[in-house]
Protein backbone atom coordinates (compact mmCIF):
# COMPACT_ATOMS: atom_id res chain seq x y z
CA MET A 1 0.00 0.00 0.00
CA THR A 2 1.33 3.42 -0.89
CA VAL A 3 0.21 6.74 0.48
CA ASP A 4 0.09 9.81 -1.73
CA LEU A 5 1.31 12.40 0.75
CA LEU A 6 1.04 15.25 -1.74
CA ASN A 7 -2.65 14.72 -2.44
CA GLU A 8 -3.84 13.30 0.85
CA LYS A 9 -6.30 15.59 2.57
CA ARG A 10 -4.87 17.20 5.69
CA PRO A 11 -7.01 17.44 8.80
CA SER A 12 -8.15 20.93 9.66
CA PRO A 13 -6.71 22.65 12.76
CA SER A 14 -10.09 22.38 14.47
CA THR A 15 -10.12 18.61 13.88
CA ILE A 16 -6.64 18.26 15.30
CA HIS A 17 -7.60 20.38 18.32
CA ALA A 18 -10.74 18.30 18.90
CA ARG A 19 -8.63 15.13 19.04
CA ARG A 20 -6.04 16.65 21.38
CA PRO A 21 -7.68 19.36 23.50
CA GLU A 22 -4.66 19.98 25.72
CA ALA A 23 -1.64 21.82 24.41
CA ASN A 24 1.48 19.77 23.82
CA LEU A 25 4.12 22.43 23.44
CA ILE A 26 7.88 22.06 23.08
CA ASP A 27 10.23 24.87 24.04
CA THR A 28 13.02 24.29 21.55
CA HIS A 29 15.53 26.79 22.91
CA CYS A 30 15.64 27.55 26.63
CA HIS A 31 18.85 28.28 28.52
CA LEU A 32 17.76 26.95 31.91
CA ASP A 33 21.45 26.64 32.78
CA ASP A 34 21.82 30.43 32.78
CA GLU A 35 22.66 31.94 36.17
CA SER A 36 19.49 34.05 36.06
CA PHE A 37 17.51 30.83 36.68
CA ALA A 38 19.73 29.63 39.55
CA GLY A 39 17.30 30.62 42.29
CA ASP A 40 14.07 29.43 40.71
CA VAL A 41 14.71 26.86 37.99
CA GLU A 42 12.32 24.41 39.69
CA GLU A 43 9.50 26.94 39.58
CA VAL A 44 10.28 27.89 35.97
CA VAL A 45 10.08 24.26 34.84
CA ALA A 46 6.93 23.64 36.89
CA ARG A 47 5.18 26.72 35.44
CA ALA A 48 6.12 25.68 31.91
CA MET A 49 4.74 22.17 32.42
CA GLU A 50 1.55 23.54 33.96
CA ALA A 51 1.13 25.78 30.90
CA GLY A 52 1.28 22.78 28.56
CA VAL A 53 4.99 22.61 27.73
CA SER A 54 5.79 18.91 27.66
CA ARG A 55 9.44 19.15 26.56
CA ILE A 56 12.17 21.75 27.07
CA ILE A 57 15.33 21.67 24.97
CA VAL A 58 18.36 23.26 26.63
CA PRO A 59 21.16 23.95 24.14
CA ALA A 60 24.76 23.95 25.30
CA ILE A 61 26.60 27.06 24.16
CA ASP A 62 30.11 25.64 24.47
CA ARG A 63 32.09 22.79 26.01
CA ASP A 64 32.19 24.47 29.39
CA ASN A 65 28.45 24.33 30.02
CA THR A 66 27.69 20.84 28.72
CA GLY A 67 27.90 19.46 32.26
CA ALA A 68 25.31 21.94 33.52
CA VAL A 69 23.01 21.13 30.60
CA LEU A 70 23.31 17.39 31.16
CA ALA A 71 22.67 17.86 34.89
CA LEU A 72 19.36 19.57 34.07
CA THR A 73 18.33 16.65 31.88
CA THR A 74 18.75 14.21 34.75
CA ARG A 75 17.16 16.54 37.28
CA PHE A 76 13.90 17.26 35.41
CA GLU A 77 11.63 14.95 33.47
CA GLY A 78 10.87 16.47 30.08
CA VAL A 79 14.09 18.49 29.90
CA PHE A 80 16.51 17.47 27.14
CA GLY A 81 19.93 18.75 26.15
CA ALA A 82 21.26 19.71 22.75
CA ILE A 83 25.00 19.12 22.75
CA GLY A 84 27.07 19.71 19.62
CA ILE A 85 30.67 19.54 18.57
């Protein structure tokens, strides 16, 4: 069986919303490792999750902060790191 992706009818946004009434948002670029979050990172993550953010991607900016980024990924469910070379 083949699927013609170019001509297949897409569901309307209202149909998609009706199937999934709750937001499932992903924050694709959030520097939770920044010192400005040091005092309240728990509350920031909790507020994001309560608002419908299911995943938070924390990008490392250089080699020096990869440890901090990875620590956040083990500390919070739903927080993922983006580590490059």
